[in-house]
N, C-alpha and C. Protein backbone atom coordinates (compact mmCIF):
# COMPACT_ATOMS: atom_id res chain seq x y z
N MET A 1 -174.69 -99.18 -67.02
CA MET A 1 -175.21 -97.93 -67.20
C MET A 1 -176.20 -97.95 -68.64
N VAL A 2 -177.22 -97.26 -68.45
CA VAL A 2 -178.17 -97.19 -69.60
C VAL A 2 -178.53 -95.74 -69.92
N GLU A 3 -178.53 -95.34 -71.21
CA GLU A 3 -178.80 -94.04 -71.55
C GLU A 3 -180.29 -94.02 -72.12
N THR A 4 -181.11 -93.20 -71.50
CA THR A 4 -182.56 -93.10 -71.84
C THR A 4 -182.73 -92.17 -73.12
N ARG A 5 -183.89 -92.23 -73.69
CA ARG A 5 -184.13 -91.29 -74.80
C ARG A 5 -183.98 -89.85 -74.51
N SER A 6 -184.28 -89.55 -73.35
CA SER A 6 -184.20 -88.10 -72.89
C SER A 6 -182.84 -87.63 -72.65
N GLY A 7 -181.87 -88.64 -72.62
CA GLY A 7 -180.39 -88.29 -72.51
C GLY A 7 -179.97 -88.54 -71.22
N LYS A 8 -180.74 -88.84 -70.18
CA LYS A 8 -180.25 -89.23 -68.89
C LYS A 8 -179.62 -90.48 -68.79
N ILE A 9 -178.62 -90.59 -68.04
CA ILE A 9 -177.94 -91.87 -67.83
C ILE A 9 -178.32 -92.57 -66.61
N THR A 10 -178.81 -93.74 -66.61
CA THR A 10 -179.28 -94.40 -65.41
C THR A 10 -178.37 -95.53 -65.19
N SER A 11 -178.26 -96.04 -64.00
CA SER A 11 -177.40 -97.12 -63.73
C SER A 11 -178.23 -97.92 -62.72
N PRO A 12 -178.22 -99.31 -62.65
CA PRO A 12 -178.90 -100.09 -61.77
C PRO A 12 -177.88 -100.06 -60.47
N TYR A 13 -176.79 -99.70 -60.43
CA TYR A 13 -175.80 -99.63 -59.37
C TYR A 13 -175.63 -98.31 -58.95
N THR A 14 -175.16 -98.02 -57.71
CA THR A 14 -174.82 -96.72 -57.22
C THR A 14 -173.35 -96.52 -57.62
N GLN A 15 -172.81 -95.28 -57.52
CA GLN A 15 -171.48 -94.93 -57.82
C GLN A 15 -170.60 -95.71 -56.98
N GLU A 16 -170.87 -95.86 -55.64
CA GLU A 16 -170.11 -96.60 -54.76
C GLU A 16 -169.98 -98.01 -55.25
N GLN A 17 -171.02 -98.65 -55.68
CA GLN A 17 -171.03 -100.09 -55.93
C GLN A 17 -170.15 -100.31 -57.34
N GLN A 18 -170.31 -99.33 -58.22
CA GLN A 18 -169.58 -99.50 -59.41
C GLN A 18 -168.05 -99.29 -59.10
N GLU A 19 -167.70 -98.34 -58.24
CA GLU A 19 -166.27 -98.21 -57.96
C GLU A 19 -165.74 -99.52 -57.17
N LYS A 20 -166.62 -100.06 -56.41
CA LYS A 20 -166.12 -101.33 -55.75
C LYS A 20 -165.86 -102.50 -56.67
N MET A 21 -166.91 -102.59 -57.74
CA MET A 21 -166.80 -103.60 -58.69
C MET A 21 -165.64 -103.42 -59.62
N THR A 22 -165.31 -102.15 -59.90
CA THR A 22 -164.22 -101.78 -60.77
C THR A 22 -162.91 -102.18 -60.02
N GLY A 23 -162.88 -101.86 -58.71
CA GLY A 23 -161.69 -102.36 -57.90
C GLY A 23 -161.48 -103.85 -57.82
N LEU A 24 -162.58 -104.46 -57.73
CA LEU A 24 -162.56 -105.93 -57.71
C LEU A 24 -161.96 -106.48 -59.06
N VAL A 25 -162.56 -105.95 -60.08
CA VAL A 25 -162.01 -106.47 -61.42
C VAL A 25 -160.56 -106.13 -61.62
N ARG A 26 -160.04 -105.03 -61.16
CA ARG A 26 -158.70 -104.61 -61.32
C ARG A 26 -158.01 -105.65 -60.49
N GLU A 27 -158.28 -105.89 -59.27
CA GLU A 27 -157.53 -106.69 -58.28
C GLU A 27 -157.45 -108.12 -58.95
N ASN A 28 -158.65 -108.56 -59.52
CA ASN A 28 -158.61 -109.90 -60.12
C ASN A 28 -157.73 -109.95 -61.26
N LYS A 29 -157.49 -108.99 -62.16
CA LYS A 29 -156.62 -108.82 -63.22
C LYS A 29 -155.23 -108.91 -62.74
N GLU A 30 -154.95 -108.26 -61.66
CA GLU A 30 -153.53 -108.14 -61.04
C GLU A 30 -153.24 -109.46 -60.52
N ARG A 31 -154.08 -110.10 -59.82
CA ARG A 31 -153.86 -111.43 -59.34
C ARG A 31 -153.56 -112.55 -60.47
N LYS A 32 -154.36 -112.40 -61.47
CA LYS A 32 -154.15 -113.37 -62.59
C LYS A 32 -152.80 -112.96 -63.18
N GLU A 33 -152.34 -111.76 -63.31
CA GLU A 33 -151.14 -111.54 -64.03
C GLU A 33 -150.01 -112.05 -63.09
N LEU A 34 -150.09 -111.81 -61.68
CA LEU A 34 -149.01 -112.23 -60.73
C LEU A 34 -148.94 -113.83 -60.84
N LEU A 35 -150.02 -114.50 -60.89
CA LEU A 35 -150.04 -115.99 -61.04
C LEU A 35 -149.28 -116.29 -62.33
N LYS A 36 -149.62 -115.65 -63.37
CA LYS A 36 -149.00 -115.96 -64.62
C LYS A 36 -147.55 -115.75 -64.71
N GLN A 37 -147.14 -114.63 -64.03
CA GLN A 37 -145.60 -114.20 -63.84
C GLN A 37 -144.97 -115.47 -63.00
N GLY A 38 -145.68 -115.78 -61.96
CA GLY A 38 -145.05 -116.76 -61.06
C GLY A 38 -144.91 -118.04 -61.77
N LYS A 39 -145.93 -118.51 -62.67
CA LYS A 39 -145.79 -119.80 -63.40
C LYS A 39 -144.61 -119.63 -64.34
N LEU A 40 -144.45 -118.50 -65.04
CA LEU A 40 -143.36 -118.32 -65.95
C LEU A 40 -142.02 -118.39 -65.24
N LYS A 41 -141.96 -117.67 -64.11
CA LYS A 41 -140.69 -117.72 -63.30
C LYS A 41 -140.41 -119.18 -62.92
N ALA A 42 -141.40 -119.90 -62.45
CA ALA A 42 -141.11 -121.35 -62.15
C ALA A 42 -140.63 -122.27 -63.30
N MET A 43 -141.28 -121.94 -64.49
CA MET A 43 -140.78 -122.67 -65.77
C MET A 43 -139.36 -122.36 -66.03
N VAL A 44 -139.02 -121.04 -65.88
CA VAL A 44 -137.57 -120.69 -66.20
C VAL A 44 -136.68 -121.38 -65.23
N GLU A 45 -136.98 -121.32 -63.87
CA GLU A 45 -136.04 -121.95 -62.92
C GLU A 45 -136.07 -123.46 -63.20
N GLU A 46 -137.05 -124.16 -63.60
CA GLU A 46 -137.08 -125.49 -63.87
C GLU A 46 -136.09 -125.81 -65.10
N GLN A 47 -136.34 -125.00 -66.14
CA GLN A 47 -135.43 -125.25 -67.24
C GLN A 47 -133.99 -124.94 -67.01
N ALA A 48 -133.62 -123.94 -66.18
CA ALA A 48 -132.31 -123.72 -65.71
C ALA A 48 -131.78 -124.90 -64.97
N ALA A 49 -132.70 -125.49 -64.09
CA ALA A 49 -132.19 -126.73 -63.26
C ALA A 49 -131.89 -127.83 -64.28
N LYS A 50 -132.76 -128.07 -65.23
CA LYS A 50 -132.46 -129.17 -66.12
C LYS A 50 -131.15 -128.94 -66.96
N MET A 51 -130.90 -127.70 -67.43
CA MET A 51 -129.73 -127.24 -68.13
C MET A 51 -128.55 -127.66 -67.22
N LYS A 52 -128.60 -127.20 -65.99
CA LYS A 52 -127.46 -127.53 -65.04
C LYS A 52 -127.12 -128.92 -64.89
N LYS A 53 -128.26 -129.70 -64.73
CA LYS A 53 -128.14 -131.06 -64.58
C LYS A 53 -127.56 -131.73 -65.78
N LEU A 54 -127.97 -131.43 -67.08
CA LEU A 54 -127.42 -131.86 -68.28
C LEU A 54 -125.88 -131.49 -68.32
N GLU A 55 -125.49 -130.36 -68.04
CA GLU A 55 -124.14 -129.90 -68.06
C GLU A 55 -123.28 -130.78 -67.09
N GLU A 56 -123.81 -131.01 -65.85
CA GLU A 56 -123.19 -131.85 -64.94
C GLU A 56 -122.90 -133.30 -65.47
N GLU A 57 -124.00 -133.84 -66.10
CA GLU A 57 -123.96 -135.20 -66.72
C GLU A 57 -122.88 -135.13 -67.82
N MET A 58 -122.87 -134.07 -68.70
CA MET A 58 -121.83 -134.08 -69.69
C MET A 58 -120.41 -133.97 -69.04
N GLU A 59 -120.24 -133.22 -68.00
CA GLU A 59 -118.96 -133.19 -67.46
C GLU A 59 -118.58 -134.57 -66.86
N GLU A 60 -119.50 -135.24 -66.23
CA GLU A 60 -119.28 -136.54 -65.59
C GLU A 60 -118.80 -137.54 -66.74
N LYS A 61 -119.58 -137.61 -67.90
CA LYS A 61 -119.28 -138.49 -68.97
C LYS A 61 -117.92 -138.10 -69.50
N LYS A 62 -117.66 -136.84 -69.49
CA LYS A 62 -116.30 -136.37 -70.18
C LYS A 62 -115.12 -136.87 -69.29
N LYS A 63 -115.37 -136.89 -67.95
CA LYS A 63 -114.25 -137.33 -66.97
C LYS A 63 -114.13 -138.73 -67.07
N VAL A 64 -115.26 -139.51 -67.24
CA VAL A 64 -115.17 -140.98 -67.43
C VAL A 64 -114.52 -141.32 -68.57
N ALA A 65 -114.82 -140.68 -69.73
CA ALA A 65 -114.16 -140.93 -71.04
C ALA A 65 -112.59 -140.72 -70.85
N GLU A 66 -112.20 -139.64 -70.12
CA GLU A 66 -110.86 -139.25 -70.00
C GLU A 66 -110.16 -140.48 -68.99
N GLU A 67 -110.82 -140.86 -68.05
CA GLU A 67 -110.30 -141.80 -67.16
C GLU A 67 -110.07 -143.21 -67.91
N GLU A 68 -111.11 -143.60 -68.68
CA GLU A 68 -111.00 -144.70 -69.44
C GLU A 68 -109.93 -144.72 -70.43
N ALA A 69 -109.76 -143.51 -71.09
CA ALA A 69 -108.69 -143.36 -72.10
C ALA A 69 -107.30 -143.46 -71.40
N ALA A 70 -107.29 -142.83 -70.29
CA ALA A 70 -105.97 -142.81 -69.56
C ALA A 70 -105.56 -144.27 -69.05
N ALA A 71 -106.71 -145.01 -68.58
CA ALA A 71 -106.38 -146.29 -68.03
C ALA A 71 -106.08 -147.21 -69.20
N GLU A 72 -106.67 -147.00 -70.35
CA GLU A 72 -106.38 -147.79 -71.54
C GLU A 72 -105.02 -147.53 -72.00
N ALA A 73 -104.57 -146.29 -72.06
CA ALA A 73 -103.15 -145.89 -72.47
C ALA A 73 -102.14 -146.47 -71.37
N GLU A 74 -102.38 -146.42 -70.15
CA GLU A 74 -101.57 -146.98 -69.11
C GLU A 74 -101.53 -148.54 -69.23
N GLU A 75 -102.57 -149.22 -69.47
CA GLU A 75 -102.69 -150.66 -69.65
C GLU A 75 -101.70 -151.06 -70.89
N GLU A 76 -101.99 -150.30 -71.92
CA GLU A 76 -101.16 -150.43 -73.16
C GLU A 76 -99.70 -150.29 -72.99
N ARG A 77 -99.37 -149.30 -72.22
CA ARG A 77 -97.90 -148.91 -71.97
C ARG A 77 -97.26 -150.02 -71.09
N LYS A 78 -98.04 -150.50 -70.00
CA LYS A 78 -97.57 -151.68 -69.27
C LYS A 78 -97.33 -152.86 -70.08
N ARG A 79 -98.30 -153.15 -70.93
CA ARG A 79 -98.24 -154.44 -71.79
C ARG A 79 -96.97 -154.36 -72.70
N ARG A 80 -96.71 -153.25 -73.15
CA ARG A 80 -95.47 -153.07 -73.99
C ARG A 80 -94.22 -153.13 -73.25
N GLU A 81 -94.24 -152.58 -71.99
CA GLU A 81 -93.02 -152.69 -71.17
C GLU A 81 -92.70 -154.16 -70.96
N GLU A 82 -93.86 -154.90 -70.61
CA GLU A 82 -93.64 -156.26 -70.32
C GLU A 82 -93.07 -157.10 -71.50
N LYS A 83 -93.45 -156.69 -72.66
CA LYS A 83 -92.96 -157.43 -73.98
C LYS A 83 -91.54 -156.80 -74.28
N GLY A 84 -91.16 -155.77 -73.70
CA GLY A 84 -89.78 -155.16 -74.12
C GLY A 84 -89.77 -154.49 -75.43
N GLU A 85 -90.80 -153.79 -75.83
CA GLU A 85 -90.76 -153.23 -77.16
C GLU A 85 -89.83 -152.03 -77.32
N THR A 86 -89.45 -151.62 -78.53
CA THR A 86 -88.41 -150.60 -78.79
C THR A 86 -89.00 -149.29 -78.58
N SER A 87 -88.17 -148.22 -78.52
CA SER A 87 -88.49 -146.80 -78.36
C SER A 87 -89.40 -146.35 -79.55
N ASP A 88 -89.32 -147.04 -80.70
CA ASP A 88 -90.25 -146.55 -81.78
C ASP A 88 -91.70 -146.60 -81.41
N ARG A 89 -91.98 -147.68 -80.71
CA ARG A 89 -93.29 -147.91 -80.21
C ARG A 89 -93.70 -146.83 -79.10
N ALA A 90 -92.69 -146.37 -78.41
CA ALA A 90 -93.01 -145.32 -77.47
C ALA A 90 -93.41 -144.01 -78.12
N LYS A 91 -92.83 -143.77 -79.32
CA LYS A 91 -93.09 -142.57 -80.10
C LYS A 91 -94.52 -142.72 -80.60
N GLU A 92 -94.79 -143.96 -81.10
CA GLU A 92 -96.22 -144.23 -81.52
C GLU A 92 -97.23 -144.05 -80.47
N ASP A 93 -96.90 -144.54 -79.21
CA ASP A 93 -97.75 -144.45 -78.14
C ASP A 93 -98.07 -142.91 -77.75
N ALA A 94 -97.00 -142.20 -77.72
CA ALA A 94 -97.17 -140.73 -77.49
C ALA A 94 -98.14 -140.08 -78.62
N ALA A 95 -97.90 -140.46 -79.81
CA ALA A 95 -98.80 -139.95 -80.86
C ALA A 95 -100.14 -140.44 -80.66
N MET A 96 -100.45 -141.63 -80.34
CA MET A 96 -101.76 -142.14 -80.06
C MET A 96 -102.40 -141.44 -78.80
N GLU A 97 -101.63 -141.32 -77.83
CA GLU A 97 -102.07 -140.65 -76.62
C GLU A 97 -102.52 -139.13 -76.97
N LYS A 98 -101.70 -138.55 -77.82
CA LYS A 98 -102.00 -137.21 -78.19
C LYS A 98 -103.34 -137.19 -78.91
N LYS A 99 -103.59 -138.13 -79.77
CA LYS A 99 -104.83 -138.09 -80.56
C LYS A 99 -106.02 -138.45 -79.71
N ILE A 100 -105.81 -139.24 -78.79
CA ILE A 100 -106.90 -139.63 -77.73
C ILE A 100 -107.25 -138.43 -76.95
N THR A 101 -106.22 -137.66 -76.46
CA THR A 101 -106.52 -136.36 -75.70
C THR A 101 -107.25 -135.41 -76.47
N GLU A 102 -106.79 -135.27 -77.81
CA GLU A 102 -107.49 -134.33 -78.73
C GLU A 102 -108.99 -134.68 -78.92
N TRP A 103 -109.20 -136.08 -79.08
CA TRP A 103 -110.48 -136.65 -79.31
C TRP A 103 -111.37 -136.26 -77.99
N ILE A 104 -110.75 -136.48 -76.82
CA ILE A 104 -111.64 -136.16 -75.70
C ILE A 104 -111.79 -134.75 -75.38
N ALA A 105 -110.90 -133.94 -75.88
CA ALA A 105 -111.11 -132.37 -75.79
C ALA A 105 -112.15 -131.93 -76.75
N ASN A 106 -112.43 -132.65 -77.83
CA ASN A 106 -113.32 -132.25 -78.74
C ASN A 106 -114.62 -132.95 -78.76
N LEU A 107 -114.86 -133.57 -77.57
CA LEU A 107 -116.14 -134.21 -77.48
C LEU A 107 -117.30 -133.28 -77.57
N SER A 108 -117.10 -132.11 -77.05
CA SER A 108 -118.20 -131.05 -77.00
C SER A 108 -118.32 -130.25 -78.26
N LEU A 109 -117.52 -130.50 -79.22
CA LEU A 109 -117.59 -129.67 -80.52
C LEU A 109 -118.76 -130.27 -81.34
N GLY A 110 -119.23 -129.42 -82.35
CA GLY A 110 -120.31 -129.85 -83.19
C GLY A 110 -119.85 -130.93 -84.19
N GLU A 111 -120.80 -131.40 -84.85
CA GLU A 111 -120.40 -132.51 -85.77
C GLU A 111 -119.38 -131.96 -86.92
N ASP A 112 -119.62 -130.79 -87.41
CA ASP A 112 -118.77 -130.27 -88.56
C ASP A 112 -117.36 -130.05 -87.97
N GLU A 113 -117.30 -129.46 -86.83
CA GLU A 113 -115.92 -129.22 -86.22
C GLU A 113 -115.24 -130.57 -85.98
N GLU A 114 -116.07 -131.48 -85.38
CA GLU A 114 -115.45 -132.79 -85.00
C GLU A 114 -115.06 -133.58 -86.25
N ALA A 115 -115.78 -133.50 -87.36
CA ALA A 115 -115.42 -134.27 -88.56
C ALA A 115 -114.12 -133.66 -89.02
N ARG A 116 -113.88 -132.35 -88.93
CA ARG A 116 -112.71 -131.69 -89.46
C ARG A 116 -111.48 -132.27 -88.79
N PHE A 117 -111.47 -132.63 -87.55
CA PHE A 117 -110.32 -133.18 -86.81
C PHE A 117 -110.11 -134.63 -87.22
N TYR A 118 -111.07 -135.36 -87.82
CA TYR A 118 -110.79 -136.72 -88.35
C TYR A 118 -110.03 -136.71 -89.62
N VAL A 119 -109.99 -135.57 -90.31
CA VAL A 119 -109.17 -135.50 -91.66
C VAL A 119 -107.87 -134.92 -91.35
N PRO A 120 -106.86 -135.58 -91.61
CA PRO A 120 -105.45 -135.15 -91.36
C PRO A 120 -105.19 -133.64 -92.01
N GLN A 121 -104.28 -132.94 -91.50
CA GLN A 121 -104.01 -131.62 -91.95
C GLN A 121 -103.45 -131.63 -93.41
N ASP A 122 -102.79 -132.53 -93.76
CA ASP A 122 -102.10 -132.64 -95.05
C ASP A 122 -103.05 -132.95 -96.08
N GLU A 123 -104.26 -133.70 -95.78
CA GLU A 123 -105.31 -133.91 -96.78
C GLU A 123 -106.11 -132.67 -96.98
N ARG A 124 -106.29 -131.86 -95.83
CA ARG A 124 -107.02 -130.60 -95.94
C ARG A 124 -106.30 -129.66 -96.78
N ASP A 125 -104.96 -129.59 -96.46
CA ASP A 125 -104.05 -128.72 -97.33
C ASP A 125 -104.16 -128.99 -98.86
N ALA A 126 -104.05 -130.39 -99.18
CA ALA A 126 -104.18 -130.85 -100.48
C ALA A 126 -105.43 -130.53 -101.16
N LEU A 127 -106.44 -130.53 -100.48
CA LEU A 127 -107.81 -130.14 -100.99
C LEU A 127 -107.90 -128.77 -101.23
N ALA A 128 -107.43 -127.90 -100.31
CA ALA A 128 -107.37 -126.47 -100.45
C ALA A 128 -106.62 -126.08 -101.67
N ASN A 129 -105.43 -126.74 -102.03
CA ASN A 129 -104.61 -126.40 -103.09
C ASN A 129 -105.37 -126.72 -104.32
N ALA A 130 -106.02 -127.85 -104.30
CA ALA A 130 -106.69 -128.38 -105.62
C ALA A 130 -107.91 -127.48 -105.79
N LEU A 131 -108.53 -126.95 -104.78
CA LEU A 131 -109.77 -126.07 -105.07
C LEU A 131 -109.20 -124.71 -105.45
N ALA A 132 -108.06 -124.37 -104.93
CA ALA A 132 -107.58 -123.01 -105.56
C ALA A 132 -107.04 -123.06 -106.96
N ALA A 133 -106.69 -124.26 -107.38
CA ALA A 133 -106.32 -124.44 -108.75
C ALA A 133 -107.42 -124.48 -109.69
N MET A 134 -108.57 -124.78 -109.31
CA MET A 134 -109.84 -124.82 -110.13
C MET A 134 -110.25 -123.43 -110.53
N GLU A 135 -110.49 -123.14 -111.80
CA GLU A 135 -110.82 -121.87 -112.18
C GLU A 135 -112.38 -121.63 -112.21
N ASP A 136 -113.07 -122.81 -112.47
CA ASP A 136 -114.61 -122.57 -112.58
C ASP A 136 -115.13 -122.71 -111.27
N PRO A 137 -115.92 -121.67 -110.91
CA PRO A 137 -116.41 -121.54 -109.48
C PRO A 137 -117.53 -122.63 -109.13
N LEU A 138 -118.24 -123.11 -110.17
CA LEU A 138 -119.21 -124.07 -109.97
C LEU A 138 -118.55 -125.48 -109.67
N GLU A 139 -117.46 -125.73 -110.49
CA GLU A 139 -116.63 -126.92 -110.15
C GLU A 139 -116.09 -126.89 -108.76
N ARG A 140 -115.58 -125.82 -108.40
CA ARG A 140 -115.01 -125.72 -107.06
C ARG A 140 -115.99 -125.91 -105.92
N GLN A 141 -117.17 -125.34 -106.20
CA GLN A 141 -118.21 -125.42 -105.19
C GLN A 141 -118.69 -126.85 -105.03
N GLU A 142 -118.78 -127.49 -106.25
CA GLU A 142 -119.23 -128.89 -106.37
C GLU A 142 -118.16 -129.90 -105.61
N ALA A 143 -116.85 -129.61 -105.75
CA ALA A 143 -115.83 -130.43 -105.11
C ALA A 143 -115.98 -130.09 -103.66
N GLU A 144 -116.09 -128.95 -103.14
CA GLU A 144 -116.13 -128.65 -101.69
C GLU A 144 -117.30 -129.47 -101.04
N GLU A 145 -118.55 -129.35 -101.75
CA GLU A 145 -119.69 -130.08 -101.20
C GLU A 145 -119.44 -131.55 -101.19
N GLU A 146 -118.86 -132.14 -102.19
CA GLU A 146 -118.56 -133.61 -102.13
C GLU A 146 -117.68 -133.93 -100.98
N LYS A 147 -116.72 -133.13 -100.74
CA LYS A 147 -115.71 -133.44 -99.72
C LYS A 147 -116.30 -133.26 -98.42
N LYS A 148 -117.25 -132.33 -98.14
CA LYS A 148 -117.95 -132.18 -97.06
C LYS A 148 -118.90 -133.42 -96.70
N LEU A 149 -119.48 -133.93 -97.69
CA LEU A 149 -120.36 -135.06 -97.59
C LEU A 149 -119.52 -136.24 -97.16
N GLU A 150 -118.37 -136.41 -97.64
CA GLU A 150 -117.44 -137.51 -97.22
C GLU A 150 -117.20 -137.52 -95.90
């Protein structure tokens, strides 16, 4: 559309042609938007499939680790039975087996949580008591950070 000096508006296209072009432009925008949404949906589905595959792999690895630990414990038990070891060893075996099952159960925990399980409860309690006894907050914070780094 062009406006002349006299104030008239002229257009090289008829009203019908302009409406047709406007409709085509609108359809083109809608088609592009639908394509964009389709691509986004495909990406989301692809990522969901990848996550599912990773979860399945983690479950499989966890099962394998459990089976290996159980087989190892069984093998160790059989070896001890053959040697005729005392019942004290059986208690130690039970404790070791408990530690192994805890370790397997905590495979999916984060590093901080996992590290916490490697430190025995009595050591954690002793550290908590020592930190509570410190009066200087900077000293306490420094000690906590050193212990975390260990």
